[in-house]
Protein backbone atom coordinates (compact mmCIF):
# COMPACT_ATOMS: atom_id res chain seq x y z
CA MET A 1 0.00 0.00 0.00
CA ASN A 2 1.50 3.35 -1.01
CA THR A 3 1.54 6.52 1.10
CA HIS A 4 -1.54 7.96 -0.63
CA GLY A 5 -3.48 4.74 -0.01
CA LEU A 6 -2.37 4.65 3.63
CA ASN A 7 -3.46 8.22 4.25
CA LYS A 8 -6.80 7.68 2.52
CA SER A 9 -7.48 4.52 4.54
CA LEU A 10 -6.39 6.26 7.73
CA LYS A 11 -8.92 9.05 7.12
CA ASN A 12 -11.69 6.42 6.92
CA LEU A 13 -11.08 5.44 10.54
CA LYS A 14 -13.16 7.11 13.21
CA TYR A 15 -10.68 7.38 16.06
CA ASN A 16 -7.27 9.00 16.39
CA TRP A 17 -5.20 6.38 14.56
CA LYS A 18 -1.72 7.42 13.45
CA ILE A 19 1.03 5.87 11.39
CA ILE A 20 4.09 5.54 13.60
CA ASP A 21 7.11 3.38 12.79
CA ASN A 22 5.31 1.86 9.79
CA LYS A 23 2.42 0.66 11.95
CA ILE A 24 -1.13 1.91 12.45
CA GLN A 25 -1.31 2.91 16.11
CA ILE A 26 -3.84 4.16 18.60
CA LYS A 27 -3.79 4.85 22.32
CA VAL A 28 -7.04 4.44 24.23
CA GLU A 29 -7.95 5.21 27.83
CA PHE A 30 -10.84 3.38 29.49
CA LYS A 31 -12.57 4.19 32.77
CA ASP A 32 -10.78 1.38 34.63
CA PHE A 33 -8.71 -1.78 34.28
CA VAL A 34 -11.71 -4.12 34.08
CA THR A 35 -13.19 -2.21 31.15
CA ALA A 36 -9.85 -2.16 29.30
CA PHE A 37 -9.46 -5.90 29.84
CA GLU A 38 -13.02 -6.64 28.71
CA PHE A 39 -12.36 -4.66 25.53
CA MET A 40 -9.18 -6.64 24.88
CA GLN A 41 -11.07 -9.91 25.36
CA GLU A 42 -13.72 -8.88 22.85
CA ILE A 43 -11.16 -7.78 20.29
CA SER A 44 -9.17 -10.98 20.77
CA LYS A 45 -12.19 -12.98 19.55
CA GLU A 46 -12.34 -10.85 16.40
CA CYS A 47 -8.60 -11.34 15.89
CA ILE A 48 -9.06 -15.10 15.97
CA ARG A 49 -12.01 -14.84 13.58
CA ILE A 50 -10.02 -12.92 10.92
CA ASN A 51 -6.68 -14.53 11.81
CA HIS A 52 -4.90 -11.23 12.37
CA HIS A 53 -3.42 -10.15 15.67
CA PRO A 54 -2.30 -6.79 17.06
CA ASN A 55 0.72 -5.85 19.06
CA TRP A 56 -0.72 -4.26 22.15
CA THR A 57 0.26 -3.21 25.63
CA ASN A 58 -1.99 -2.57 28.59
CA SER A 59 -1.21 -0.55 31.68
CA TYR A 60 -4.18 -0.34 34.07
CA ASN A 61 -6.82 1.52 32.02
CA LYS A 62 -4.60 2.45 29.07
CA LEU A 63 -4.22 0.38 25.92
CA LYS A 64 -1.80 0.96 23.06
CA ILE A 65 -2.54 -0.95 19.85
CA SER A 66 -0.16 -1.31 16.91
CA LEU A 67 -1.23 -2.97 13.67
CA PHE A 68 0.88 -4.24 10.79
CA THR A 69 1.04 -7.47 8.86
CA HIS A 70 3.86 -9.38 10.52
CA ASP A 71 4.70 -11.81 7.72
CA LEU A 72 4.91 -8.99 5.14
CA GLN A 73 6.46 -6.47 7.55
CA LYS A 74 4.17 -3.70 6.34
CA ILE A 75 0.68 -2.24 6.69
CA THR A 76 -1.93 -4.02 4.57
CA ASP A 77 -5.68 -3.96 4.04
CA LEU A 78 -6.00 -6.57 6.78
CA ASP A 79 -4.65 -4.05 9.28
CA PHE A 80 -7.29 -1.54 8.26
CA LYS A 81 -9.95 -4.23 8.49
CA LEU A 82 -8.95 -4.90 12.11
CA ALA A 83 -8.72 -1.16 12.82
CA LYS A 84 -12.32 -0.74 11.62
CA ILE A 85 -13.42 -3.59 13.88
CA ILE A 86 -11.64 -1.90 16.79
CA ASP A 87 -13.23 1.45 15.89
CA HIS A 88 -16.68 -0.14 15.89
CA LYS A 89 -16.07 -1.76 19.27
CA LEU A 90 -14.73 1.52 20.70
CA SER A 91 -18.00 3.18 19.64
CA GLU A 92 -19.90 0.59 21.67
CA TYR A 93 -17.72 1.51 24.67
CA LYS A 94 -18.52 5.21 24.10
CA ILE A 95 -14.83 6.08 23.85
């Protein structure tokens, strides 16, 4: 995916996703640890369903998600598909 395609796809996402270090990244803050963990559990099911997994870190109520296609070592349409799933789920959490 070229730079123009990346920027266009990035603009189609609802939340504050950014391209950092050749990955699509977002930082999210939830009301508490339990809510952050519940969100991660829900997203993990979607990751299994589409066979695509994020790099993410969790610290109490904060979650940092990085997406890129590991085997190709670049951002692909699959990353944007997962980002849209995450966006939709964030909307349900009223983030």
